[in-house]
Amino acid sequence: TDPERSENMTHLFIINPAAGSRDRTADYTAAIEASCGKRSLDYRIEVSQGPGECKRLAREAAESGEEVRIYACGGDGTLNEVAAGAAGFDNAAVTVFSGGSGNDFVKIFDDREAFRSLDRLLEADTAVFDLIDINGDLAVNICCVGLDSRIGAEMARFKRLPGVSGSMAYILSTVVNLFKGISEHYIVDVAGERLDGEMTFVCVANARYYGGGFYAMPDAQPDDGMLDILLVKKIRLWQVPSALAKYKAGRYRELGRLARYIRTDRITIRADRDGPVNIDGEIRMARNVQMKLSDKKIRFFYPKGLKYSAECAMQKA
């Protein structure tokens, strides 16, 4: 907790109207005015006008030098921008006021629904979390390359089709990408070792959930100064349903020799051609990718009393 920092603090709410299935600006605004107004807090509401705007607004607030709490009003993509903007500034702390379609990052906490309550967010504890540097971009959650990234990259196209839900878009994108090829050739340098061969995907995690519910890395801890890395070798078409089901449920150990788990602070991945890189749900195209623990960290605040350790999550499961 930071009780000594509560005086003269500004609360900045950055609303992303593109997050989720509809524009919730009016809902957010009403909740903010009700909760902050009754407490007579110094608060400000900003509405993003497009990609990159959330990051810019967070950076400007952090650069002011004033004590500020920044609320990412949206989902994981909104948090990614806000965290990147405030990274490395000790006077700024960030959180998620949930409302996007994913909200995977806050699933590390033992009560993710608490992030939908502004009254609870205004009574907060604070932790310092690591960030992942991906070719200069920053991520707070999970990044990956390979089949899973290709599926995620094309989901947006299917979501635009009439009557197609998020889950249906994932299924359609999966089927299409399986026919395009399950694995690719990568040269991976990690933990002092070079791996050269066909791989299905590589996942680099600072937290545990992504992709709308994949419990990918159950051991990952956002404040332990390490990255959790999973490399999945080439799998056959008939193995895909079982492998994805185990991976989604956090049971990657059951993949046996197909998967290799490594904890380290950096990894370099070289592909034969440009491909999608999933960065907290946002897509970048690259052939050579370096992911490493960033020198910058982020102060993250969350409803008082919640727990986020991997041990607590496993006990709950």
Protein backbone atom coordinates (compact mmCIF):
# COMPACT_ATOMS: atom_id res chain seq x y z
CA THR A 1 0.00 0.00 0.00
CA ASP A 2 1.02 3.64 -0.51
CA PRO A 3 -0.89 5.66 2.10
CA GLU A 4 1.79 8.33 2.18
CA ARG A 5 1.29 8.96 -1.56
CA SER A 6 -2.49 9.36 -1.43
CA GLU A 7 -2.48 13.09 -0.75
CA ASN A 8 -2.42 15.39 -3.79
CA MET A 9 -2.88 12.37 -6.06
CA THR A 10 -4.55 12.65 -9.45
CA HIS A 11 -6.72 9.82 -10.78
CA LEU A 12 -6.54 9.63 -14.59
CA PHE A 13 -9.09 7.46 -16.38
CA ILE A 14 -8.18 6.60 -19.97
CA ILE A 15 -11.19 5.15 -21.76
CA ASN A 16 -10.73 3.05 -24.89
CA PRO A 17 -14.08 3.16 -26.76
CA ALA A 18 -12.87 0.40 -29.11
CA ALA A 19 -12.37 -2.12 -26.29
CA GLY A 20 -14.89 -4.92 -26.00
CA SER A 21 -17.97 -5.51 -28.09
CA ARG A 22 -19.36 -1.96 -27.78
CA ASP A 23 -18.42 1.58 -26.81
CA ARG A 24 -18.79 1.79 -23.01
CA THR A 25 -17.64 5.40 -22.63
CA ALA A 26 -20.97 6.50 -21.14
CA ASP A 27 -21.00 3.60 -18.64
CA TYR A 28 -17.43 4.29 -17.58
CA THR A 29 -18.05 8.00 -17.23
CA ALA A 30 -21.11 7.51 -15.05
CA ALA A 31 -19.31 5.07 -12.74
CA ILE A 32 -16.25 7.32 -12.47
CA GLU A 33 -18.24 10.45 -11.69
CA ALA A 34 -20.30 8.63 -9.06
CA SER A 35 -17.38 6.97 -7.23
CA CYS A 36 -14.85 9.79 -7.47
CA GLY A 37 -17.41 12.53 -6.92
CA LYS A 38 -18.61 11.20 -3.57
CA ARG A 39 -15.00 11.01 -2.41
CA SER A 40 -14.14 14.50 -3.72
CA LEU A 41 -11.12 13.08 -5.55
CA ASP A 42 -9.00 14.94 -8.09
CA TYR A 43 -9.82 13.03 -11.23
CA ARG A 44 -9.74 13.44 -15.00
CA ILE A 45 -11.31 11.45 -17.84
CA GLU A 46 -9.69 11.10 -21.27
CA VAL A 47 -11.13 9.17 -24.22
CA SER A 48 -8.74 7.59 -26.70
CA GLN A 49 -9.17 8.73 -30.28
CA GLY A 50 -7.22 5.88 -31.86
CA PRO A 51 -4.29 3.44 -31.59
CA GLY A 52 -1.39 4.81 -29.58
CA GLU A 53 -3.48 7.47 -27.86
CA CYS A 54 -3.70 5.60 -24.55
CA LYS A 55 0.07 5.30 -24.44
CA ARG A 56 0.55 8.99 -25.20
CA LEU A 57 -1.90 10.09 -22.51
CA ALA A 58 -0.29 7.83 -19.91
CA ARG A 59 3.20 9.03 -20.82
CA GLU A 60 2.23 12.69 -20.57
CA ALA A 61 0.68 12.12 -17.15
CA ALA A 62 3.74 10.22 -15.93
CA GLU A 63 6.15 12.82 -17.28
CA SER A 64 4.40 15.53 -15.26
CA GLY A 65 6.21 14.23 -12.19
CA GLU A 66 3.02 14.44 -10.14
CA GLU A 67 1.67 11.44 -8.25
CA VAL A 68 -0.91 9.84 -10.54
CA ARG A 69 -2.94 6.67 -10.69
CA ILE A 70 -3.87 5.72 -14.23
CA TYR A 71 -6.86 3.50 -14.92
CA ALA A 72 -6.87 1.61 -18.23
CA CYS A 73 -10.60 1.51 -18.98
CA GLY A 74 -10.81 -1.41 -21.38
CA GLY A 75 -9.09 -4.74 -21.82
CA ASP A 76 -5.61 -6.16 -22.24
CA GLY A 77 -4.78 -4.03 -25.27
CA THR A 78 -5.68 -0.88 -23.35
CA LEU A 79 -3.55 -2.00 -20.39
CA ASN A 80 -0.64 -2.71 -22.73
CA GLU A 81 -0.68 0.87 -24.05
CA VAL A 82 -1.12 2.47 -20.63
CA ALA A 83 1.62 0.34 -19.06
CA ALA A 84 4.02 1.11 -21.91
CA GLY A 85 3.35 4.83 -21.45
CA ALA A 86 3.90 4.82 -17.69
CA ALA A 87 6.78 2.31 -17.61
CA GLY A 88 9.75 3.38 -15.56
CA PHE A 89 8.03 6.29 -13.80
CA ASP A 90 7.94 5.87 -10.03
CA ASN A 91 5.31 8.59 -9.61
CA ALA A 92 2.80 6.72 -11.79
CA ALA A 93 0.85 3.56 -11.02
CA VAL A 94 -1.53 1.76 -13.40
CA THR A 95 -4.43 -0.65 -13.20
CA VAL A 96 -7.30 -2.03 -15.27
CA PHE A 97 -10.89 -0.89 -14.83
CA SER A 98 -12.17 -3.96 -16.67
CA GLY A 99 -14.41 -3.67 -19.66
CA GLY A 100 -12.60 -5.18 -22.64
CA SER A 101 -13.17 -8.53 -24.31
CA GLY A 102 -10.17 -10.28 -22.81
CA ASN A 103 -9.02 -8.94 -19.45
CA ASP A 104 -6.65 -11.89 -19.21
CA PHE A 105 -3.92 -10.19 -17.20
CA VAL A 106 -6.06 -9.64 -14.09
CA LYS A 107 -6.91 -13.35 -14.01
CA ILE A 108 -3.67 -13.80 -12.04
CA PHE A 109 -5.56 -12.33 -9.07
CA ASP A 110 -7.83 -14.42 -6.87
CA ASP A 111 -10.86 -12.23 -7.67
CA ARG A 112 -10.71 -10.85 -11.20
CA GLU A 113 -14.25 -9.47 -10.94
CA ALA A 114 -12.98 -6.97 -8.35
CA PHE A 115 -11.43 -5.03 -11.23
CA ARG A 116 -14.93 -4.22 -12.47
CA SER A 117 -15.65 -2.36 -9.21
CA LEU A 118 -14.25 1.17 -9.13
CA ASP A 119 -15.06 1.48 -5.43
CA ARG A 120 -12.73 -1.44 -4.77
CA LEU A 121 -10.02 -0.10 -7.08
CA LEU A 122 -10.00 3.19 -5.19
CA GLU A 123 -8.95 1.24 -2.06
CA ALA A 124 -5.78 -0.30 -3.43
CA ASP A 125 -2.59 -2.17 -2.73
CA THR A 126 0.40 -1.65 -5.03
CA ALA A 127 3.07 -3.98 -6.42
CA VAL A 128 6.00 -3.51 -8.79
CA PHE A 129 5.73 -5.75 -11.86
CA ASP A 130 8.24 -6.74 -14.54
CA LEU A 131 7.82 -5.93 -18.22
CA ILE A 132 8.90 -7.76 -21.37
CA ASP A 133 10.88 -5.84 -24.02
CA ILE A 134 10.10 -7.14 -27.52
CA ASN A 135 12.22 -5.42 -30.15
CA GLY A 136 11.69 -2.17 -28.23
CA ASP A 137 7.97 -2.63 -27.58
CA LEU A 138 6.83 -3.39 -24.03
CA ALA A 139 4.41 -6.00 -22.71
CA VAL A 140 3.11 -6.75 -19.24
CA ASN A 141 1.50 -10.11 -19.92
CA ILE A 142 2.38 -12.73 -22.58
CA CYS A 143 4.01 -12.70 -26.02
CA CYS A 144 4.33 -15.48 -28.57
CA VAL A 145 5.31 -16.38 -32.11
CA GLY A 146 4.23 -19.24 -34.33
CA LEU A 147 0.89 -20.96 -34.85
CA ASP A 148 -0.84 -19.28 -31.92
CA SER A 149 0.22 -15.82 -33.14
CA ARG A 150 -1.01 -16.55 -36.65
CA ILE A 151 -4.37 -17.65 -35.25
CA GLY A 152 -4.64 -14.48 -33.19
CA ALA A 153 -3.60 -12.26 -36.08
CA GLU A 154 -6.40 -13.51 -38.32
CA MET A 155 -9.12 -13.62 -35.68
CA ALA A 156 -9.91 -9.94 -36.26
CA ARG A 157 -10.81 -10.67 -39.88
CA PHE A 158 -13.31 -13.35 -38.89
CA LYS A 159 -14.80 -11.22 -36.10
CA ARG A 160 -15.97 -8.75 -38.75
CA LEU A 161 -18.20 -11.39 -40.31
CA PRO A 162 -21.92 -11.12 -39.40
CA GLY A 163 -22.93 -13.33 -36.49
CA VAL A 164 -19.41 -14.55 -35.71
CA SER A 165 -18.56 -14.49 -31.99
CA GLY A 166 -15.08 -14.35 -30.48
CA SER A 167 -14.99 -18.10 -29.87
CA MET A 168 -16.22 -18.85 -33.39
CA ALA A 169 -13.61 -16.48 -34.84
CA TYR A 170 -10.93 -18.40 -32.95
CA ILE A 171 -12.17 -21.74 -34.30
CA LEU A 172 -12.33 -20.44 -37.89
CA SER A 173 -8.87 -18.90 -37.68
CA THR A 174 -7.48 -22.11 -36.17
CA VAL A 175 -8.86 -24.27 -38.99
CA VAL A 176 -7.53 -21.91 -41.68
CA ASN A 177 -4.06 -21.69 -40.13
CA LEU A 178 -3.76 -25.43 -39.61
CA PHE A 179 -4.09 -25.87 -43.35
CA LYS A 180 -1.44 -23.19 -43.90
CA GLY A 181 1.05 -25.17 -41.83
CA ILE A 182 1.40 -26.16 -38.19
CA SER A 183 5.11 -25.48 -37.69
CA GLU A 184 7.85 -23.18 -38.92
CA HIS A 185 11.64 -23.20 -38.94
CA TYR A 186 13.19 -21.15 -36.14
CA ILE A 187 16.68 -20.60 -34.77
CA VAL A 188 16.28 -19.92 -31.06
CA ASP A 189 19.02 -18.72 -28.72
CA VAL A 190 18.01 -19.15 -25.08
CA ALA A 191 19.79 -19.84 -21.79
CA GLY A 192 23.16 -20.26 -23.51
CA GLU A 193 21.84 -22.81 -25.99
CA ARG A 194 20.97 -22.65 -29.70
CA LEU A 195 17.95 -24.62 -30.91
CA ASP A 196 17.57 -24.98 -34.69
CA GLY A 197 14.51 -26.73 -36.07
CA GLU A 198 10.80 -26.86 -36.73
CA MET A 199 8.60 -25.51 -33.93
CA THR A 200 4.87 -25.03 -33.57
CA PHE A 201 5.12 -21.95 -31.35
CA VAL A 202 7.13 -20.17 -28.68
CA CYS A 203 5.44 -18.53 -25.69
CA VAL A 204 7.20 -15.98 -23.46
CA ALA A 205 5.31 -15.10 -20.29
CA ASN A 206 5.36 -12.58 -17.49
CA ALA A 207 1.89 -13.67 -16.31
CA ARG A 208 -0.36 -16.69 -16.74
CA TYR A 209 -3.39 -16.11 -18.99
CA TYR A 210 -3.89 -14.84 -22.55
CA GLY A 211 -5.92 -15.39 -25.69
CA GLY A 212 -9.30 -15.08 -24.00
CA GLY A 213 -8.76 -17.78 -21.39
CA PHE A 214 -5.65 -19.81 -22.17
CA TYR A 215 -4.06 -20.72 -18.82
CA ALA A 216 -0.77 -21.02 -20.65
CA MET A 217 1.92 -20.55 -18.02
CA PRO A 218 0.68 -21.54 -14.54
CA ASP A 219 4.06 -20.96 -12.87
CA ALA A 220 4.65 -17.43 -14.18
CA GLN A 221 4.99 -14.66 -11.62
CA PRO A 222 4.95 -11.00 -12.72
CA ASP A 223 7.41 -9.79 -10.08
CA ASP A 224 10.06 -12.53 -9.90
CA GLY A 225 12.57 -11.00 -12.33
CA MET A 226 12.34 -13.95 -14.74
CA LEU A 227 10.53 -14.84 -17.94
CA ASP A 228 8.75 -18.20 -18.29
CA ILE A 229 9.33 -19.63 -21.75
CA LEU A 230 7.63 -22.58 -23.44
CA LEU A 231 8.92 -23.98 -26.72
CA VAL A 232 6.62 -26.44 -28.48
CA LYS A 233 8.21 -28.65 -31.14
CA LYS A 234 6.59 -29.62 -34.40
CA ILE A 235 3.37 -31.50 -33.76
CA ARG A 236 1.29 -33.58 -36.15
CA LEU A 237 -2.18 -32.61 -37.29
CA TRP A 238 -3.80 -35.41 -35.30
CA GLN A 239 -2.01 -34.18 -32.15
CA VAL A 240 -3.31 -30.61 -32.41
CA PRO A 241 -6.69 -30.96 -30.57
CA SER A 242 -5.17 -32.75 -27.59
CA ALA A 243 -2.08 -30.51 -27.45
CA LEU A 244 -4.12 -27.29 -27.57
CA ALA A 245 -6.53 -28.56 -24.91
CA LYS A 246 -3.67 -29.39 -22.54
CA TYR A 247 -1.93 -26.09 -23.25
CA LYS A 248 -5.12 -24.11 -22.69
CA ALA A 249 -5.66 -25.83 -19.32
CA GLY A 250 -2.14 -25.13 -18.04
CA ARG A 251 -1.10 -28.76 -18.44
CA TYR A 252 1.82 -28.26 -20.81
CA ARG A 253 3.87 -30.79 -18.80
CA GLU A 254 1.60 -33.50 -20.21
CA LEU A 255 2.95 -32.68 -23.68
CA GLY A 256 6.11 -34.54 -22.68
CA ARG A 257 8.98 -34.23 -25.12
CA LEU A 258 6.97 -31.98 -27.40
CA ALA A 259 7.34 -29.06 -24.98
CA ARG A 260 10.31 -27.53 -23.23
CA TYR A 261 9.96 -25.09 -20.34
CA ILE A 262 12.77 -22.63 -19.52
CA ARG A 263 13.06 -19.79 -17.01
CA THR A 264 15.52 -17.08 -18.04
CA ASP A 265 15.69 -13.35 -18.75
CA ARG A 266 15.92 -13.28 -22.56
CA ILE A 267 15.39 -15.19 -25.80
CA THR A 268 16.18 -14.49 -29.46
CA ILE A 269 14.06 -16.02 -32.23
CA ARG A 270 14.98 -15.93 -35.91
CA ALA A 271 12.55 -17.07 -38.59
CA ASP A 272 12.96 -17.58 -42.33
CA ARG A 273 10.39 -14.88 -43.11
CA ASP A 274 8.35 -12.14 -41.48
CA GLY A 275 5.56 -13.42 -39.27
CA PRO A 276 3.13 -12.15 -36.63
CA VAL A 277 4.37 -11.56 -33.10
CA ASN A 278 1.63 -11.44 -30.45
CA ILE A 279 2.40 -8.70 -27.89
CA ASP A 280 -0.33 -8.67 -25.22
CA GLY A 281 -2.86 -9.31 -27.97
CA GLU A 282 -1.45 -6.70 -30.34
CA ILE A 283 0.25 -7.92 -33.53
CA ARG A 284 3.61 -6.84 -34.94
CA MET A 285 5.31 -8.36 -37.98
CA ALA A 286 8.96 -9.40 -37.66
CA ARG A 287 11.50 -11.98 -38.81
CA ASN A 288 13.99 -11.54 -35.98
CA VAL A 289 12.64 -11.14 -32.46
CA GLN A 290 14.46 -10.46 -29.22
CA MET A 291 12.41 -10.73 -26.05
CA LYS A 292 14.05 -9.85 -22.77
CA LEU A 293 13.24 -8.68 -19.29
CA SER A 294 12.95 -4.90 -19.56
CA ASP A 295 15.07 -2.56 -17.48
CA LYS A 296 11.82 -0.68 -16.84
CA LYS A 297 9.16 -1.83 -14.41
CA ILE A 298 5.59 -0.77 -13.73
CA ARG A 299 3.80 0.03 -10.49
CA PHE A 300 0.48 -1.82 -10.60
CA PHE A 301 -2.32 -1.19 -8.12
CA TYR A 302 -5.19 -3.55 -7.41
CA PRO A 303 -8.14 -3.92 -5.00
CA LYS A 304 -6.92 -4.17 -1.44
CA GLY A 305 -6.44 -7.69 -0.11
CA LEU A 306 -6.27 -9.56 -3.42
CA LYS A 307 -3.52 -12.12 -4.00
CA TYR A 308 -1.71 -12.87 -7.26
CA SER A 309 1.03 -15.40 -6.48
CA ALA A 310 1.26 -18.56 -8.58
CA GLU A 311 1.11 -20.63 -5.41
CA CYS A 312 -2.24 -19.12 -4.43
CA ALA A 313 -3.58 -19.72 -7.94
CA MET A 314 -2.58 -23.39 -7.84
CA GLN A 315 -4.17 -23.88 -4.42
CA LYS A 316 -7.39 -22.31 -5.69
CA ALA A 317 -7.36 -24.55 -8.78
